[in-house]
Structure formats: structure tokens, C-alpha cells
Amino acid sequence: MANYYRVAYKESQNTLKQICELFRVDSSDITIKFVMTVMGPLVFYFMWEYGNPGGGTPGGMTFFVIKYIVVWALAFVAAVILNRTIWRKVLSTTAVGDAEDQFDRRCRLNGGPVSSEIHFFDDHFDSVTAKKTRSFSYQDVTKILETKEAFGVVVKADPETVGSARAMIGFPKTALEGNNTDELAEFLLTRCKNMKRKKVKKF
């Protein structure tokens, strides 16, 4: 495993679509898990409070609780699977529109397509364009994301990120020199010590 990795590519609608889709599927995954987690206890409360679970008998109520937990768990898993399969097609279509808007806006601001580079050093990484260089600490990385086409990291508390407390640095996997994202992932996992999820989140 090397101690330096370089990403270089010129932005296009296709590369931005890959990156937008990466972060859209992650956001959707977080949302569906949150909704299912909140809705489970809420529905249970109303059924318990205003219904007649288990006929009011101790045995019936115990069976009702067990059955409800099993059904809730199955519904949770089904929702996550549907989100990552059928709903994924909707997110992919939405990402196309996002990419078109971003590409047009960035071309206007920069006088043409932007050439982007990311340099992963031993103790930090830099995101570089002709107009700006941003440096990030591995200690601030909260998650690593990967799809078939793109790879990215999410960094917390970036003061330059307008409207969000997170910076999301992504790139098409083909832009990585050597094209070995598995090796890069291993490199990052040994340095990003503050991630709650100690592995790459793959979609």
C-alpha cells in the first residue's frame, strides 16, 4: 500500500452525475432508516394506546409485541432493499438533473469545465482546482462512500461549505491513478479514526 494517491479529472456532466448519485443514495439511505426507526415506535404507541392489542390478555399482549417487532424489523429491511434497488433508479435520474445544473453553474463561474485533483497524503488530503485548494484532516472524515462508478468521503464542520456543516469530496473511480479504489479505501480506513462506521459504505 502506497502513502500517496492522486485523483485527476476534468469535470463533465457524466462525472458530476456519478458524484451526485453517490451522495444522493447515501442521503436517501439515511432518510429511510430514520423514518422507519421513528415510525415503528410511533405506530406501536397508537396501536397500544388506542387499540386492543392481544385482546387485553397477558399472553395475547406478549404475542402482539413479539409479532409487531418481527413485522417492524422485516418492514425496515424491505424498505432499505427497495431504497437501494427500485428507488435507486429514481435517484439516478434526479442525479442527471443535478449534474446538468452544477456543470452549467461551475462552467459559468470558472470560464469552462473545471479540472479537479485530489491528493491523498499520509496525514491529510487536498482538493485542488485552478481557483482554490482546500485541505482536510483525516480526523474529520465521518464516512467513506462507494458505488460502482464513484468514490467519496464526507468531512464534518468545513467552514467553507455554504449551507451545510459537511463537505462531500467525491470523484469518478476511473480518475484515481492506478484505478485501485480498494487500496485507497484501506489507506483511508487506517487514518480516518473518528468514523463511527469502520468500513466503506457501499451501494
N, C-alpha and C. Protein backbone atom coordinates (compact mmCIF):
# COMPACT_ATOMS: atom_id res chain seq x y z
N MET A 1 0.84 -1.20 0.00
CA MET A 1 0.00 0.00 0.00
C MET A 1 0.88 1.25 0.00
N ALA A 2 0.59 2.16 -0.92
CA ALA A 2 1.37 3.39 -1.03
C ALA A 2 0.98 4.37 0.08
N ASN A 3 1.75 5.48 0.18
CA ASN A 3 1.40 6.51 1.17
C ASN A 3 0.99 7.81 0.48
N TYR A 4 0.67 7.71 -0.82
CA TYR A 4 0.19 8.88 -1.56
C TYR A 4 -0.67 8.39 -2.73
N TYR A 5 -1.83 9.04 -2.90
CA TYR A 5 -2.73 8.70 -4.01
C TYR A 5 -3.20 9.99 -4.66
N ARG A 6 -3.34 9.95 -5.97
CA ARG A 6 -3.72 11.15 -6.73
C ARG A 6 -4.93 10.86 -7.61
N VAL A 7 -5.86 11.79 -7.58
CA VAL A 7 -7.04 11.76 -8.45
C VAL A 7 -6.98 12.98 -9.36
N ALA A 8 -7.24 12.79 -10.65
CA ALA A 8 -7.23 13.92 -11.58
C ALA A 8 -8.26 13.67 -12.68
N TYR A 9 -9.12 14.66 -12.92
CA TYR A 9 -10.11 14.53 -13.99
C TYR A 9 -10.66 15.91 -14.35
N LYS A 10 -11.20 16.01 -15.55
CA LYS A 10 -11.90 17.23 -15.97
C LYS A 10 -13.39 16.98 -15.81
N GLU A 11 -14.05 17.90 -15.13
CA GLU A 11 -15.47 17.73 -14.86
C GLU A 11 -16.29 17.75 -16.15
N SER A 12 -17.29 16.88 -16.18
CA SER A 12 -18.27 16.83 -17.26
C SER A 12 -19.62 16.52 -16.62
N GLN A 13 -20.67 16.56 -17.40
CA GLN A 13 -21.97 16.21 -16.84
C GLN A 13 -21.98 14.77 -16.35
N ASN A 14 -21.25 13.90 -17.04
CA ASN A 14 -21.23 12.49 -16.64
C ASN A 14 -20.48 12.28 -15.33
N THR A 15 -19.31 12.91 -15.18
CA THR A 15 -18.56 12.73 -13.93
C THR A 15 -19.33 13.33 -12.74
N LEU A 16 -19.97 14.48 -12.96
CA LEU A 16 -20.75 15.09 -11.88
C LEU A 16 -21.98 14.26 -11.56
N LYS A 17 -22.56 13.62 -12.57
CA LYS A 17 -23.71 12.75 -12.32
C LYS A 17 -23.32 11.59 -11.42
N GLN A 18 -22.16 11.00 -11.66
CA GLN A 18 -21.68 9.89 -10.84
C GLN A 18 -21.50 10.32 -9.39
N ILE A 19 -20.95 11.53 -9.20
CA ILE A 19 -20.70 12.03 -7.85
C ILE A 19 -22.01 12.41 -7.16
N CYS A 20 -22.90 13.08 -7.90
CA CYS A 20 -24.21 13.46 -7.33
C CYS A 20 -25.00 12.23 -6.91
N GLU A 21 -24.96 11.19 -7.72
CA GLU A 21 -25.69 9.97 -7.39
C GLU A 21 -25.13 9.31 -6.13
N LEU A 22 -23.81 9.35 -5.99
CA LEU A 22 -23.17 8.78 -4.81
C LEU A 22 -23.73 9.39 -3.53
N PHE A 23 -23.82 10.71 -3.49
CA PHE A 23 -24.27 11.37 -2.28
C PHE A 23 -25.79 11.35 -2.14
N ARG A 24 -26.51 11.27 -3.26
CA ARG A 24 -27.97 11.16 -3.17
C ARG A 24 -28.39 9.82 -2.59
N VAL A 25 -27.73 8.74 -3.00
CA VAL A 25 -28.12 7.42 -2.47
C VAL A 25 -27.78 7.32 -0.99
N ASP A 26 -26.70 7.96 -0.57
CA ASP A 26 -26.36 7.96 0.86
C ASP A 26 -27.40 8.75 1.65
N SER A 27 -27.78 9.92 1.15
CA SER A 27 -28.77 10.74 1.83
C SER A 27 -30.11 10.02 1.92
N SER A 28 -30.50 9.36 0.84
CA SER A 28 -31.76 8.62 0.83
C SER A 28 -31.72 7.46 1.80
N ASP A 29 -30.58 6.79 1.88
CA ASP A 29 -30.42 5.66 2.81
C ASP A 29 -30.58 6.12 4.25
N ILE A 30 -29.98 7.27 4.57
CA ILE A 30 -30.09 7.83 5.93
C ILE A 30 -31.55 8.18 6.23
N THR A 31 -32.22 8.80 5.25
CA THR A 31 -33.60 9.24 5.45
C THR A 31 -34.54 8.07 5.70
N ILE A 32 -34.44 7.02 4.87
CA ILE A 32 -35.36 5.90 5.00
C ILE A 32 -35.14 5.17 6.33
N LYS A 33 -33.90 5.06 6.77
CA LYS A 33 -33.63 4.40 8.05
C LYS A 33 -34.18 5.24 9.21
N PHE A 34 -34.05 6.56 9.10
CA PHE A 34 -34.58 7.43 10.15
C PHE A 34 -36.10 7.33 10.22
N VAL A 35 -36.75 7.38 9.06
CA VAL A 35 -38.22 7.32 9.02
C VAL A 35 -38.72 6.00 9.59
N MET A 36 -38.10 4.89 9.19
CA MET A 36 -38.55 3.59 9.68
C MET A 36 -38.29 3.44 11.18
N THR A 37 -37.18 4.00 11.65
CA THR A 37 -36.86 3.92 13.08
C THR A 37 -37.86 4.71 13.91
N VAL A 38 -38.25 5.89 13.43
CA VAL A 38 -39.19 6.74 14.17
C VAL A 38 -40.62 6.20 14.07
N MET A 39 -41.01 5.75 12.88
CA MET A 39 -42.39 5.32 12.67
C MET A 39 -42.73 4.06 13.46
N GLY A 40 -41.75 3.17 13.64
CA GLY A 40 -42.02 1.92 14.35
C GLY A 40 -42.58 2.15 15.75
N PRO A 41 -41.86 2.83 16.63
CA PRO A 41 -42.38 3.09 17.98
C PRO A 41 -43.65 3.95 17.98
N LEU A 42 -43.75 4.88 17.01
CA LEU A 42 -44.92 5.76 16.97
C LEU A 42 -46.19 4.97 16.66
N VAL A 43 -46.12 4.12 15.65
CA VAL A 43 -47.28 3.29 15.30
C VAL A 43 -47.61 2.34 16.45
N PHE A 44 -46.56 1.78 17.06
CA PHE A 44 -46.78 0.88 18.19
C PHE A 44 -47.52 1.59 19.32
N TYR A 45 -47.12 2.82 19.61
CA TYR A 45 -47.75 3.58 20.70
C TYR A 45 -49.25 3.76 20.44
N PHE A 46 -49.60 4.17 19.23
CA PHE A 46 -51.01 4.42 18.93
C PHE A 46 -51.82 3.12 18.94
N MET A 47 -51.23 2.04 18.44
CA MET A 47 -51.93 0.76 18.47
C MET A 47 -52.14 0.27 19.90
N TRP A 48 -51.12 0.48 20.73
CA TRP A 48 -51.19 0.03 22.12
C TRP A 48 -52.15 0.90 22.94
N GLU A 49 -52.10 2.21 22.66
CA GLU A 49 -52.88 3.15 23.46
C GLU A 49 -54.35 3.16 23.06
N TYR A 50 -54.62 3.07 21.76
CA TYR A 50 -55.99 3.27 21.29
C TYR A 50 -56.62 2.01 20.68
N GLY A 51 -55.84 0.95 20.57
CA GLY A 51 -56.39 -0.29 20.03
C GLY A 51 -56.66 -1.29 21.14
N ASN A 52 -56.74 -2.55 20.75
CA ASN A 52 -56.96 -3.62 21.72
C ASN A 52 -55.98 -4.75 21.43
N PRO A 53 -54.68 -4.47 21.62
CA PRO A 53 -53.66 -5.46 21.25
C PRO A 53 -53.76 -6.74 22.05
N GLY A 54 -53.78 -7.85 21.34
CA GLY A 54 -53.79 -9.15 22.00
C GLY A 54 -55.03 -9.45 22.80
N GLY A 55 -56.10 -8.70 22.53
CA GLY A 55 -57.35 -8.95 23.26
C GLY A 55 -57.29 -8.57 24.72
N GLY A 56 -56.23 -7.88 25.12
CA GLY A 56 -56.14 -7.43 26.51
C GLY A 56 -55.62 -8.47 27.48
N THR A 57 -55.34 -9.69 27.01
CA THR A 57 -54.83 -10.74 27.90
C THR A 57 -53.31 -10.68 27.93
N PRO A 58 -52.67 -11.11 29.04
CA PRO A 58 -51.20 -11.08 29.11
C PRO A 58 -50.54 -11.87 27.98
N GLY A 59 -51.04 -13.08 27.73
CA GLY A 59 -50.47 -13.89 26.65
C GLY A 59 -50.67 -13.26 25.30
N GLY A 60 -51.86 -12.71 25.08
CA GLY A 60 -52.16 -12.07 23.80
C GLY A 60 -51.31 -10.83 23.57
N MET A 61 -51.11 -10.04 24.64
CA MET A 61 -50.30 -8.83 24.50
C MET A 61 -48.83 -9.18 24.24
N THR A 62 -48.34 -10.24 24.90
CA THR A 62 -46.96 -10.67 24.66
C THR A 62 -46.77 -11.10 23.21
N PHE A 63 -47.73 -11.87 22.71
CA PHE A 63 -47.67 -12.31 21.31
C PHE A 63 -47.73 -11.12 20.36
N PHE A 64 -48.58 -10.14 20.70
CA PHE A 64 -48.70 -8.93 19.88
C PHE A 64 -47.37 -8.19 19.80
N VAL A 65 -46.70 -8.03 20.95
CA VAL A 65 -45.42 -7.31 20.98
C VAL A 65 -44.38 -8.03 20.13
N ILE A 66 -44.28 -9.35 20.30
CA ILE A 66 -43.30 -10.13 19.53
C ILE A 66 -43.59 -10.03 18.04
N LYS A 67 -44.86 -10.20 17.68
CA LYS A 67 -45.25 -10.14 16.27
C LYS A 67 -44.96 -8.76 15.69
N TYR A 68 -45.25 -7.72 16.47
CA TYR A 68 -45.02 -6.35 15.98
C TYR A 68 -43.54 -6.10 15.73
N ILE A 69 -42.69 -6.55 16.65
CA ILE A 69 -41.24 -6.34 16.50
C ILE A 69 -40.73 -7.06 15.25
N VAL A 70 -41.20 -8.29 15.02
CA VAL A 70 -40.77 -9.05 13.85
C VAL A 70 -41.22 -8.36 12.57
N VAL A 71 -42.49 -7.93 12.52
CA VAL A 71 -43.01 -7.26 11.33
C VAL A 71 -42.28 -5.94 11.09
N TRP A 72 -42.02 -5.20 12.16
CA TRP A 72 -41.29 -3.93 12.04
C TRP A 72 -39.89 -4.16 11.48
N ALA A 73 -39.20 -5.18 11.99
CA ALA A 73 -37.85 -5.49 11.50
C ALA A 73 -37.87 -5.87 10.03
N LEU A 74 -38.85 -6.68 9.63
CA LEU A 74 -38.97 -7.09 8.23
C LEU A 74 -39.29 -5.89 7.33
N ALA A 75 -40.17 -5.01 7.82
CA ALA A 75 -40.51 -3.81 7.05
C ALA A 75 -39.30 -2.90 6.90
N PHE A 76 -38.49 -2.80 7.94
CA PHE A 76 -37.28 -1.99 7.91
C PHE A 76 -36.32 -2.51 6.83
N VAL A 77 -36.10 -3.82 6.84
CA VAL A 77 -35.20 -4.43 5.86
C VAL A 77 -35.75 -4.26 4.45
N ALA A 78 -37.06 -4.47 4.28
CA ALA A 78 -37.68 -4.34 2.96
C ALA A 78 -37.55 -2.91 2.44
N ALA A 79 -37.73 -1.93 3.32
CA ALA A 79 -37.63 -0.52 2.91
C ALA A 79 -36.21 -0.19 2.45
N VAL A 80 -35.21 -0.70 3.17
CA VAL A 80 -33.82 -0.45 2.80
C VAL A 80 -33.50 -1.09 1.45
N ILE A 81 -33.99 -2.32 1.24
CA ILE A 81 -33.75 -3.02 -0.03
C ILE A 81 -34.42 -2.28 -1.19
N LEU A 82 -35.67 -1.88 -1.01
CA LEU A 82 -36.38 -1.14 -2.06
C LEU A 82 -35.68 0.19 -2.36
N ASN A 83 -35.18 0.82 -1.31
CA ASN A 83 -34.48 2.10 -1.48
C ASN A 83 -33.22 1.93 -2.31
N ARG A 84 -32.56 0.78 -2.16
CA ARG A 84 -31.30 0.55 -2.87
C ARG A 84 -31.49 -0.11 -4.23
N THR A 85 -32.72 -0.45 -4.59
CA THR A 85 -32.97 -1.10 -5.88
C THR A 85 -33.91 -0.25 -6.74
N ILE A 86 -35.21 -0.35 -6.48
CA ILE A 86 -36.19 0.35 -7.30
C ILE A 86 -36.04 1.87 -7.19
N TRP A 87 -35.95 2.37 -5.95
CA TRP A 87 -35.83 3.82 -5.75
C TRP A 87 -34.51 4.36 -6.27
N ARG A 88 -33.51 3.49 -6.37
CA ARG A 88 -32.19 3.89 -6.87
C ARG A 88 -32.29 4.44 -8.29
N LYS A 89 -33.21 3.89 -9.09
CA LYS A 89 -33.37 4.37 -10.47
C LYS A 89 -33.89 5.81 -10.48
N VAL A 90 -34.78 6.11 -9.54
CA VAL A 90 -35.29 7.48 -9.43
C VAL A 90 -34.17 8.43 -9.04
N LEU A 91 -33.35 8.00 -8.08
CA LEU A 91 -32.23 8.83 -7.63
C LEU A 91 -31.23 9.06 -8.75
N SER A 92 -31.02 8.04 -9.57
CA SER A 92 -30.10 8.17 -10.70
C SER A 92 -30.60 9.20 -11.69
N THR A 93 -31.91 9.20 -11.94
CA THR A 93 -32.50 10.19 -12.85
C THR A 93 -32.38 11.59 -12.27
N THR A 94 -32.62 11.71 -10.97
CA THR A 94 -32.51 13.01 -10.30
C THR A 94 -31.07 13.53 -10.35
N ALA A 95 -30.12 12.61 -10.22
CA ALA A 95 -28.71 12.99 -10.25
C ALA A 95 -28.31 13.58 -11.60
N VAL A 96 -28.97 13.13 -12.67
CA VAL A 96 -28.69 13.68 -14.00
C VAL A 96 -29.03 15.17 -14.03
N GLY A 97 -30.20 15.52 -13.48
CA GLY A 97 -30.59 16.93 -13.42
C GLY A 97 -29.67 17.74 -12.54
N ASP A 98 -29.28 17.17 -11.40
CA ASP A 98 -28.34 17.85 -10.50
C ASP A 98 -27.03 18.14 -11.23
N ALA A 99 -26.54 17.14 -11.96
CA ALA A 99 -25.26 17.28 -12.65
C ALA A 99 -25.32 18.34 -13.73
N GLU A 100 -26.42 18.39 -14.46
CA GLU A 100 -26.56 19.41 -15.51
C GLU A 100 -26.52 20.81 -14.91
N ASP A 101 -27.25 21.00 -13.80
CA ASP A 101 -27.27 22.31 -13.15
C ASP A 101 -25.89 22.69 -12.62
N GLN A 102 -25.23 21.73 -11.95
CA GLN A 102 -23.91 22.01 -11.39
C GLN A 102 -22.88 22.28 -12.48
N PHE A 103 -22.94 21.51 -13.55
CA PHE A 103 -21.97 21.68 -14.63
C PHE A 103 -22.11 23.06 -15.26
N ASP A 104 -23.34 23.47 -15.55
CA ASP A 104 -23.58 24.79 -16.15
C ASP A 104 -23.11 25.90 -15.21
N ARG A 105 -23.45 25.77 -13.93
CA ARG A 105 -23.08 26.81 -12.97
C ARG A 105 -21.57 26.90 -12.80
N ARG A 106 -20.91 25.75 -12.69
CA ARG A 106 -19.46 25.76 -12.48
C ARG A 106 -18.72 26.24 -13.73
N CYS A 107 -19.26 25.94 -14.90
CA CYS A 107 -18.64 26.44 -16.14
C CYS A 107 -18.75 27.96 -16.22
N ARG A 108 -19.90 28.50 -15.82
CA ARG A 108 -20.07 29.96 -15.84
C ARG A 108 -19.11 30.63 -14.86
N LEU A 109 -18.96 30.05 -13.68
CA LEU A 109 -18.10 30.65 -12.66
C LEU A 109 -16.62 30.53 -12.99
N ASN A 110 -16.26 29.48 -13.73
CA ASN A 110 -14.84 29.21 -13.97
C ASN A 110 -14.41 29.40 -15.42
N GLY A 111 -15.33 29.84 -16.26
CA GLY A 111 -14.98 30.09 -17.66
C GLY A 111 -14.79 28.83 -18.48
N GLY A 112 -15.37 27.74 -18.05
CA GLY A 112 -15.26 26.47 -18.77
C GLY A 112 -15.23 25.31 -17.80
N PRO A 113 -15.12 24.08 -18.31
CA PRO A 113 -15.07 22.90 -17.44
C PRO A 113 -13.91 22.97 -16.45
N VAL A 114 -14.17 22.53 -15.24
CA VAL A 114 -13.18 22.59 -14.16
C VAL A 114 -12.32 21.34 -14.16
N SER A 115 -11.02 21.53 -14.04
CA SER A 115 -10.10 20.41 -13.84
C SER A 115 -9.89 20.24 -12.34
N SER A 116 -10.20 19.06 -11.84
CA SER A 116 -10.13 18.81 -10.40
C SER A 116 -9.07 17.76 -10.08
N GLU A 117 -8.41 17.97 -8.96
CA GLU A 117 -7.45 16.99 -8.46
C GLU A 117 -7.68 16.80 -6.96
N ILE A 118 -7.43 15.59 -6.50
CA ILE A 118 -7.45 15.29 -5.06
C ILE A 118 -6.16 14.56 -4.75
N HIS A 119 -5.45 15.06 -3.74
CA HIS A 119 -4.18 14.46 -3.34
C HIS A 119 -4.32 13.89 -1.93
N PHE A 120 -4.19 12.59 -1.81
CA PHE A 120 -4.27 11.93 -0.51
C PHE A 120 -2.85 11.71 0.01
N PHE A 121 -2.46 12.53 0.99
CA PHE A 121 -1.14 12.41 1.61
C PHE A 121 -1.24 11.53 2.85
N ASP A 122 -0.12 11.36 3.51
CA ASP A 122 -0.08 10.48 4.67
C ASP A 122 -0.89 11.02 5.84
N ASP A 123 -0.93 12.36 6.00
CA ASP A 123 -1.58 12.93 7.18
C ASP A 123 -2.77 13.84 6.87
N HIS A 124 -3.07 14.09 5.58
CA HIS A 124 -4.22 14.91 5.20
C HIS A 124 -4.46 14.73 3.71
N PHE A 125 -5.55 15.33 3.21
CA PHE A 125 -5.76 15.31 1.77
C PHE A 125 -6.24 16.68 1.29
N ASP A 126 -5.91 17.00 0.04
CA ASP A 126 -6.23 18.29 -0.55
C ASP A 126 -7.16 18.10 -1.75
N SER A 127 -8.13 19.00 -1.87
CA SER A 127 -8.98 19.09 -3.05
C SER A 127 -8.56 20.34 -3.81
N VAL A 128 -8.13 20.16 -5.06
CA VAL A 128 -7.46 21.25 -5.78
C VAL A 128 -8.16 21.55 -7.11
N THR A 129 -8.46 22.83 -7.33
CA THR A 129 -8.86 23.33 -8.65
C THR A 129 -7.98 24.54 -8.94
N ALA A 130 -8.15 25.12 -10.13
CA ALA A 130 -7.32 26.26 -10.51
C ALA A 130 -7.55 27.45 -9.58
N LYS A 131 -8.77 27.57 -9.03
CA LYS A 131 -9.11 28.73 -8.21
C LYS A 131 -8.96 28.51 -6.71
N LYS A 132 -8.95 27.25 -6.28
CA LYS A 132 -8.97 27.02 -4.84
C LYS A 132 -8.34 25.68 -4.48
N THR A 133 -7.66 25.68 -3.33
CA THR A 133 -7.16 24.44 -2.74
C THR A 133 -7.72 24.34 -1.32
N ARG A 134 -8.37 23.24 -1.02
CA ARG A 134 -8.91 23.01 0.32
C ARG A 134 -8.21 21.80 0.93
N SER A 135 -7.79 21.95 2.18
CA SER A 135 -7.12 20.86 2.88
C SER A 135 -8.04 20.30 3.96
N PHE A 136 -7.99 18.99 4.13
CA PHE A 136 -8.85 18.31 5.09
C PHE A 136 -8.03 17.34 5.94
N SER A 137 -8.42 17.24 7.19
CA SER A 137 -7.78 16.29 8.10
C SER A 137 -8.54 14.97 8.06
N TYR A 138 -7.82 13.87 8.12
CA TYR A 138 -8.47 12.56 8.17
C TYR A 138 -9.29 12.41 9.46
N GLN A 139 -8.93 13.16 10.49
CA GLN A 139 -9.66 13.08 11.75
C GLN A 139 -11.09 13.60 11.62
N ASP A 140 -11.34 14.41 10.57
CA ASP A 140 -12.67 14.99 10.37
C ASP A 140 -13.54 14.19 9.41
N VAL A 141 -13.02 13.10 8.88
CA VAL A 141 -13.81 12.27 7.96
C VAL A 141 -14.83 11.47 8.76
N THR A 142 -16.10 11.58 8.37
CA THR A 142 -17.16 10.87 9.09
C THR A 142 -17.62 9.60 8.38
N LYS A 143 -17.41 9.52 7.07
CA LYS A 143 -17.78 8.30 6.36
C LYS A 143 -17.09 8.24 5.01
N ILE A 144 -16.97 7.04 4.49
CA ILE A 144 -16.42 6.79 3.16
C ILE A 144 -17.51 6.09 2.35
N LEU A 145 -17.77 6.58 1.14
CA LEU A 145 -18.86 6.07 0.32
C LEU A 145 -18.33 5.52 -1.00
N GLU A 146 -19.06 4.53 -1.53
CA GLU A 146 -18.64 3.96 -2.81
C GLU A 146 -19.83 3.37 -3.56
N THR A 147 -19.90 3.68 -4.85
CA THR A 147 -20.83 3.00 -5.75
C THR A 147 -19.99 2.32 -6.83
N LYS A 148 -20.65 1.77 -7.82
CA LYS A 148 -19.92 1.11 -8.91
C LYS A 148 -19.05 2.10 -9.67
N GLU A 149 -19.49 3.37 -9.73
CA GLU A 149 -18.81 4.35 -10.57
C GLU A 149 -18.05 5.42 -9.80
N ALA A 150 -18.39 5.64 -8.53
CA ALA A 150 -17.81 6.78 -7.81
C ALA A 150 -17.35 6.40 -6.41
N PHE A 151 -16.50 7.27 -5.88
CA PHE A 151 -15.92 7.08 -4.54
C PHE A 151 -15.90 8.44 -3.87
N GLY A 152 -16.13 8.49 -2.57
CA GLY A 152 -16.14 9.79 -1.91
C GLY A 152 -15.98 9.70 -0.41
N VAL A 153 -15.63 10.83 0.18
CA VAL A 153 -15.54 10.94 1.63
C VAL A 153 -16.38 12.12 2.09
N VAL A 154 -16.95 11.99 3.27
CA VAL A 154 -17.73 13.07 3.88
C VAL A 154 -16.94 13.60 5.06
N VAL A 155 -16.76 14.92 5.10
CA VAL A 155 -15.96 15.56 6.14
C VAL A 155 -16.84 16.52 6.92
N LYS A 156 -16.75 16.49 8.23
CA LYS A 156 -17.59 17.34 9.08
C LYS A 156 -17.01 18.74 9.24
N ALA A 157 -17.89 19.67 9.57
CA ALA A 157 -17.52 21.01 10.03
C ALA A 157 -16.54 21.72 9.12
N ASP A 158 -16.83 21.74 7.83
CA ASP A 158 -16.00 22.51 6.92
C ASP A 158 -16.53 23.93 6.84
N PRO A 159 -15.80 24.92 7.30
CA PRO A 159 -16.31 26.29 7.35
C PRO A 159 -16.58 26.91 5.99
N GLU A 160 -16.02 26.33 4.91
CA GLU A 160 -16.21 26.90 3.59
C GLU A 160 -17.40 26.30 2.85
N THR A 161 -18.06 25.33 3.46
CA THR A 161 -19.20 24.69 2.81
C THR A 161 -20.46 25.48 3.11
N VAL A 162 -20.99 26.16 2.13
CA VAL A 162 -22.16 27.02 2.32
C VAL A 162 -23.41 26.16 2.52
N GLY A 163 -24.16 26.45 3.58
CA GLY A 163 -25.44 25.79 3.80
C GLY A 163 -25.35 24.41 4.39
N SER A 164 -24.18 23.95 4.74
CA SER A 164 -24.05 22.61 5.31
C SER A 164 -22.84 22.57 6.22
N ALA A 165 -22.93 21.70 7.23
CA ALA A 165 -21.79 21.52 8.14
C ALA A 165 -20.87 20.42 7.64
N ARG A 166 -21.16 19.91 6.42
CA ARG A 166 -20.34 18.83 5.88
C ARG A 166 -19.80 19.21 4.50
N ALA A 167 -18.59 18.75 4.24
CA ALA A 167 -18.05 18.83 2.88
C ALA A 167 -18.06 17.42 2.32
N MET A 168 -18.46 17.29 1.07
CA MET A 168 -18.51 15.98 0.44
C MET A 168 -17.57 15.98 -0.76
N ILE A 169 -16.50 15.22 -0.66
CA ILE A 169 -15.47 15.20 -1.68
C ILE A 169 -15.57 13.87 -2.42
N GLY A 170 -16.01 13.93 -3.68
CA GLY A 170 -16.18 12.70 -4.45
C GLY A 170 -15.49 12.78 -5.79
N PHE A 171 -15.33 11.62 -6.42
CA PHE A 171 -14.69 11.58 -7.73
C PHE A 171 -15.07 10.29 -8.45
N PRO A 172 -15.05 10.30 -9.80
CA PRO A 172 -15.26 9.05 -10.54
C PRO A 172 -14.10 8.10 -10.29
N LYS A 173 -14.38 6.84 -10.11
CA LYS A 173 -13.34 5.88 -9.73
C LYS A 173 -12.25 5.76 -10.80
N THR A 174 -12.62 6.01 -12.05
CA THR A 174 -11.63 5.92 -13.13
C THR A 174 -10.59 7.04 -13.06
N ALA A 175 -10.87 8.08 -12.25
CA ALA A 175 -9.94 9.22 -12.16
C ALA A 175 -8.79 8.95 -11.20
N LEU A 176 -8.87 7.88 -10.43
CA LEU A 176 -7.80 7.56 -9.48
C LEU A 176 -6.64 6.92 -10.23
N GLU A 177 -5.46 7.50 -10.10
CA GLU A 177 -4.28 6.93 -10.75
C GLU A 177 -4.03 5.52 -10.22
N GLY A 178 -3.90 4.58 -11.12
CA GLY A 178 -3.75 3.18 -10.73
C GLY A 178 -5.09 2.47 -10.63
N ASN A 179 -6.17 3.27 -10.51
CA ASN A 179 -7.54 2.74 -10.52
C ASN A 179 -7.78 1.66 -9.46
N ASN A 180 -7.11 1.79 -8.31
CA ASN A 180 -7.25 0.79 -7.25
C ASN A 180 -7.96 1.41 -6.05
N THR A 181 -9.28 1.50 -6.11
CA THR A 181 -10.03 2.11 -5.02
C THR A 181 -10.04 1.24 -3.77
N ASP A 182 -9.88 -0.07 -3.93
CA ASP A 182 -9.82 -0.95 -2.76
C ASP A 182 -8.58 -0.61 -1.91
N GLU A 183 -7.48 -0.35 -2.59
CA GLU A 183 -6.25 0.01 -1.88
C GLU A 183 -6.38 1.38 -1.23
N LEU A 184 -7.01 2.33 -1.94
CA LEU A 184 -7.24 3.65 -1.37
C LEU A 184 -8.15 3.55 -0.14
N ALA A 185 -9.17 2.72 -0.23
CA ALA A 185 -10.09 2.54 0.90
C ALA A 185 -9.34 2.01 2.13
N GLU A 186 -8.46 1.05 1.91
CA GLU A 186 -7.66 0.51 3.02
C GLU A 186 -6.76 1.60 3.61
N PHE A 187 -6.17 2.40 2.73
CA PHE A 187 -5.32 3.52 3.16
C PHE A 187 -6.11 4.49 4.04
N LEU A 188 -7.33 4.82 3.62
CA LEU A 188 -8.16 5.78 4.36
C LEU A 188 -8.65 5.20 5.68
N LEU A 189 -9.02 3.94 5.68
CA LEU A 189 -9.56 3.33 6.90
C LEU A 189 -8.52 3.28 8.02
N THR A 190 -7.25 3.22 7.66
CA THR A 190 -6.21 3.21 8.69
C THR A 190 -5.95 4.61 9.26
N ARG A 191 -6.46 5.64 8.58
CA ARG A 191 -6.20 7.02 9.00
C ARG A 191 -7.43 7.75 9.53
N CYS A 192 -8.60 7.35 9.07
CA CYS A 192 -9.84 8.02 9.48
C CYS A 192 -10.37 7.36 10.75
N LYS A 193 -9.80 7.73 11.87
CA LYS A 193 -10.05 7.04 13.14
C LYS A 193 -11.38 7.42 13.80
N ASN A 194 -11.98 8.51 13.36
CA ASN A 194 -13.18 9.00 14.06
C ASN A 194 -14.49 8.61 13.39
N MET A 195 -14.44 7.74 12.40
CA MET A 195 -15.66 7.28 11.77
C MET A 195 -16.39 6.30 12.69
N LYS A 196 -17.71 6.46 12.81
CA LYS A 196 -18.49 5.51 13.59
C LYS A 196 -18.57 4.17 12.87
N ARG A 197 -18.72 4.24 11.57
CA ARG A 197 -18.76 3.03 10.75
C ARG A 197 -17.35 2.75 10.25
N LYS A 198 -16.73 1.69 10.73
CA LYS A 198 -15.32 1.42 10.45
C LYS A 198 -15.13 0.64 9.15
N LYS A 199 -15.92 0.98 8.15
CA LYS A 199 -15.76 0.36 6.84
C LYS A 199 -16.40 1.25 5.79
N VAL A 200 -16.14 0.94 4.54
CA VAL A 200 -16.70 1.73 3.44
C VAL A 200 -18.18 1.40 3.29
N LYS A 201 -18.99 2.43 3.13
CA LYS A 201 -20.42 2.25 2.92
C LYS A 201 -20.65 2.11 1.42
N LYS A 202 -20.96 0.89 0.99
CA LYS A 202 -21.09 0.60 -0.44
C LYS A 202 -22.55 0.50 -0.84
N PHE A 203 -22.83 1.01 -2.05
CA PHE A 203 -24.19 0.95 -2.60
C PHE A 203 -24.17 0.22 -3.94
